[in-house]
Amino acid sequence: MAIDIANRDYGDRPDGIPFQLAAESSIPGINTEELEQIFEEQTVIPSLDPKKNTQTIISSSLYSIEENVFWFGTMIAGKSPEGSNERFKIINPNKVPCTVKFAVKPRT
């Protein structure tokens, strides 16, 4: 890489003027590894399989690592239009902003 300085005296420093360049590279990204942070208001369990799950009573919404699924818990139909609300913590650890889109899909 070179920097050309207009109207400089090339006889002054014929080999060029040394300079130091400092830069930082960053890409947009979302933290998908720290499940305890993402689901800080819910329970994170290893699996929905009772043989692998150490939690015997499920009393809240939870995220299962093995199945990669969020379980909202048992839902009862009611007259409330609000339904069920859950909050997830989405963390962008980098300096570049990014857009995140979410979709709720049935398990297959």
C-alpha atoms as a PDB file:
ATOM      1  CA  MET A   1       0.000   0.000   0.000  1.00  0.00           C
ATOM      2  CA  ALA A   2       1.297   3.447  -0.844  1.00  0.00           C
ATOM      3  CA  ILE A   3       0.264   6.994  -0.099  1.00  0.00           C
ATOM      4  CA  ASP A   4       1.116   9.543  -2.740  1.00  0.00           C
ATOM      5  CA  ILE A   5       1.689  13.040  -1.388  1.00  0.00           C
ATOM      6  CA  ALA A   6       1.282  15.686  -4.075  1.00  0.00           C
ATOM      7  CA  ASN A   7       4.048  18.275  -4.548  1.00  0.00           C
ATOM      8  CA  ARG A   8       6.507  16.565  -2.200  1.00  0.00           C
ATOM      9  CA  ASP A   9      10.260  16.667  -2.789  1.00  0.00           C
ATOM     10  CA  TYR A  10      11.162  13.113  -3.890  1.00  0.00           C
ATOM     11  CA  GLY A  11      14.829  13.914  -3.288  1.00  0.00           C
ATOM     12  CA  ASP A  12      14.099  14.426   0.433  1.00  0.00           C
ATOM     13  CA  ARG A  13      13.168  10.762   1.040  1.00  0.00           C
ATOM     14  CA  PRO A  14      13.702   8.782  -2.154  1.00  0.00           C
ATOM     15  CA  ASP A  15      12.608   5.488  -0.527  1.00  0.00           C
ATOM     16  CA  GLY A  16       9.313   6.984   0.642  1.00  0.00           C
ATOM     17  CA  ILE A  17       7.947   8.161   3.975  1.00  0.00           C
ATOM     18  CA  PRO A  18       7.323   5.366   6.481  1.00  0.00           C
ATOM     19  CA  PHE A  19       3.874   5.250   7.990  1.00  0.00           C
ATOM     20  CA  GLN A  20       1.986   2.909  10.267  1.00  0.00           C
ATOM     21  CA  LEU A  21      -1.545   1.857   9.457  1.00  0.00           C
ATOM     22  CA  ALA A  22      -3.913   0.597  12.131  1.00  0.00           C
ATOM     23  CA  ALA A  23      -7.252  -0.896  11.100  1.00  0.00           C
ATOM     24  CA  GLU A  24     -10.057  -2.950  12.538  1.00  0.00           C
ATOM     25  CA  SER A  25     -12.173  -5.422  10.645  1.00  0.00           C
ATOM     26  CA  SER A  26     -15.681  -6.284  11.731  1.00  0.00           C
ATOM     27  CA  ILE A  27     -18.701  -8.050  10.285  1.00  0.00           C
ATOM     28  CA  PRO A  28     -22.323  -8.032  11.442  1.00  0.00           C
ATOM     29  CA  GLY A  29     -23.284 -10.937  13.619  1.00  0.00           C
ATOM     30  CA  ILE A  30     -25.667 -12.160  16.283  1.00  0.00           C
ATOM     31  CA  ASN A  31     -24.599 -14.094  19.362  1.00  0.00           C
ATOM     32  CA  THR A  32     -26.114 -17.552  18.948  1.00  0.00           C
ATOM     33  CA  GLU A  33     -23.810 -19.410  21.334  1.00  0.00           C
ATOM     34  CA  GLU A  34     -24.590 -17.931  24.774  1.00  0.00           C
ATOM     35  CA  LEU A  35     -27.996 -19.557  25.291  1.00  0.00           C
ATOM     36  CA  GLU A  36     -28.168 -18.602  28.975  1.00  0.00           C
ATOM     37  CA  GLN A  37     -27.921 -14.932  27.937  1.00  0.00           C
ATOM     38  CA  ILE A  38     -30.385 -15.195  25.057  1.00  0.00           C
ATOM     39  CA  PHE A  39     -32.989 -16.972  27.203  1.00  0.00           C
ATOM     40  CA  GLU A  40     -32.177 -15.201  30.461  1.00  0.00           C
ATOM     41  CA  GLU A  41     -35.870 -15.002  31.439  1.00  0.00           C
ATOM     42  CA  GLN A  42     -36.572 -18.651  30.590  1.00  0.00           C
ATOM     43  CA  THR A  43     -35.158 -22.040  31.515  1.00  0.00           C
ATOM     44  CA  VAL A  44     -32.523 -23.666  29.282  1.00  0.00           C
ATOM     45  CA  ILE A  45     -32.441 -27.467  29.425  1.00  0.00           C
ATOM     46  CA  PRO A  46     -30.243 -30.013  27.612  1.00  0.00           C
ATOM     47  CA  SER A  47     -33.138 -31.928  26.040  1.00  0.00           C
ATOM     48  CA  LEU A  48     -36.896 -32.446  26.096  1.00  0.00           C
ATOM     49  CA  ASP A  49     -36.145 -36.148  26.539  1.00  0.00           C
ATOM     50  CA  PRO A  50     -37.000 -36.987  30.195  1.00  0.00           C
ATOM     51  CA  LYS A  51     -34.001 -39.365  30.354  1.00  0.00           C
ATOM     52  CA  LYS A  52     -31.609 -36.505  29.581  1.00  0.00           C
ATOM     53  CA  ASN A  53     -33.442 -33.691  31.354  1.00  0.00           C
ATOM     54  CA  THR A  54     -32.582 -33.175  35.014  1.00  0.00           C
ATOM     55  CA  GLN A  55     -35.504 -30.813  35.560  1.00  0.00           C
ATOM     56  CA  THR A  56     -38.455 -32.956  36.620  1.00  0.00           C
ATOM     57  CA  ILE A  57     -41.148 -30.264  36.797  1.00  0.00           C
ATOM     58  CA  ILE A  58     -41.484 -27.838  33.919  1.00  0.00           C
ATOM     59  CA  SER A  59     -43.282 -24.789  35.245  1.00  0.00           C
ATOM     60  CA  SER A  60     -42.200 -22.155  32.728  1.00  0.00           C
ATOM     61  CA  SER A  61     -41.301 -21.573  29.121  1.00  0.00           C
ATOM     62  CA  LEU A  62     -38.021 -23.175  28.149  1.00  0.00           C
ATOM     63  CA  TYR A  63     -35.426 -23.677  25.450  1.00  0.00           C
ATOM     64  CA  SER A  64     -34.140 -27.161  24.655  1.00  0.00           C
ATOM     65  CA  ILE A  65     -30.560 -27.299  23.345  1.00  0.00           C
ATOM     66  CA  GLU A  66     -30.652 -30.745  21.707  1.00  0.00           C
ATOM     67  CA  GLU A  67     -33.912 -30.171  19.838  1.00  0.00           C
ATOM     68  CA  ASN A  68     -33.095 -26.491  19.174  1.00  0.00           C
ATOM     69  CA  VAL A  69     -36.659 -25.573  20.084  1.00  0.00           C
ATOM     70  CA  PHE A  70     -38.361 -22.998  22.303  1.00  0.00           C
ATOM     71  CA  TRP A  71     -41.355 -24.363  24.203  1.00  0.00           C
ATOM     72  CA  PHE A  72     -43.948 -21.789  25.255  1.00  0.00           C
ATOM     73  CA  GLY A  73     -45.473 -24.161  27.775  1.00  0.00           C
ATOM     74  CA  THR A  74     -49.023 -25.381  28.004  1.00  0.00           C
ATOM     75  CA  MET A  75     -51.347 -22.799  26.481  1.00  0.00           C
ATOM     76  CA  ILE A  76     -55.015 -22.476  27.390  1.00  0.00           C
ATOM     77  CA  ALA A  77     -57.368 -20.746  24.981  1.00  0.00           C
ATOM     78  CA  GLY A  78     -58.802 -17.626  26.541  1.00  0.00           C
ATOM     79  CA  LYS A  79     -60.485 -14.331  25.816  1.00  0.00           C
ATOM     80  CA  SER A  80     -57.308 -12.291  26.293  1.00  0.00           C
ATOM     81  CA  PRO A  81     -56.138 -10.909  22.909  1.00  0.00           C
ATOM     82  CA  GLU A  82     -52.569 -10.502  24.183  1.00  0.00           C
ATOM     83  CA  GLY A  83     -51.841 -14.229  24.159  1.00  0.00           C
ATOM     84  CA  SER A  84     -48.472 -15.319  25.510  1.00  0.00           C
ATOM     85  CA  ASN A  85     -45.493 -12.957  25.671  1.00  0.00           C
ATOM     86  CA  GLU A  86     -41.858 -14.008  25.876  1.00  0.00           C
ATOM     87  CA  ARG A  87     -38.754 -11.834  25.736  1.00  0.00           C
ATOM     88  CA  PHE A  88     -35.446 -12.956  24.227  1.00  0.00           C
ATOM     89  CA  LYS A  89     -32.171 -11.074  24.440  1.00  0.00           C
ATOM     90  CA  ILE A  90     -30.660 -10.567  20.991  1.00  0.00           C
ATOM     91  CA  ILE A  91     -27.004  -9.486  21.187  1.00  0.00           C
ATOM     92  CA  ASN A  92     -24.906  -8.064  18.356  1.00  0.00           C
ATOM     93  CA  PRO A  93     -21.344  -8.251  19.756  1.00  0.00           C
ATOM     94  CA  ASN A  94     -19.866  -6.431  16.757  1.00  0.00           C
ATOM     95  CA  LYS A  95     -19.799  -2.768  15.779  1.00  0.00           C
ATOM     96  CA  VAL A  96     -21.597  -3.254  12.469  1.00  0.00           C
ATOM     97  CA  PRO A  97     -25.399  -3.021  12.713  1.00  0.00           C
ATOM     98  CA  CYS A  98     -27.480  -5.871  11.351  1.00  0.00           C
ATOM     99  CA  THR A  99     -31.146  -6.648  10.776  1.00  0.00           C
ATOM    100  CA  VAL A 100     -32.754  -9.662  12.428  1.00  0.00           C
ATOM    101  CA  LYS A 101     -35.999 -11.283  11.299  1.00  0.00           C
ATOM    102  CA  PHE A 102     -37.904 -13.802  13.426  1.00  0.00           C
ATOM    103  CA  ALA A 103     -40.519 -16.380  12.545  1.00  0.00           C
ATOM    104  CA  VAL A 104     -42.554 -18.726  14.722  1.00  0.00           C
ATOM    105  CA  LYS A 105     -42.883 -22.103  13.039  1.00  0.00           C
ATOM    106  CA  PRO A 106     -44.522 -25.358  14.135  1.00  0.00           C
ATOM    107  CA  ARG A 107     -42.248 -28.267  14.996  1.00  0.00           C
ATOM    108  CA  THR A 108     -41.915 -30.830  12.232  1.00  0.00           C
END
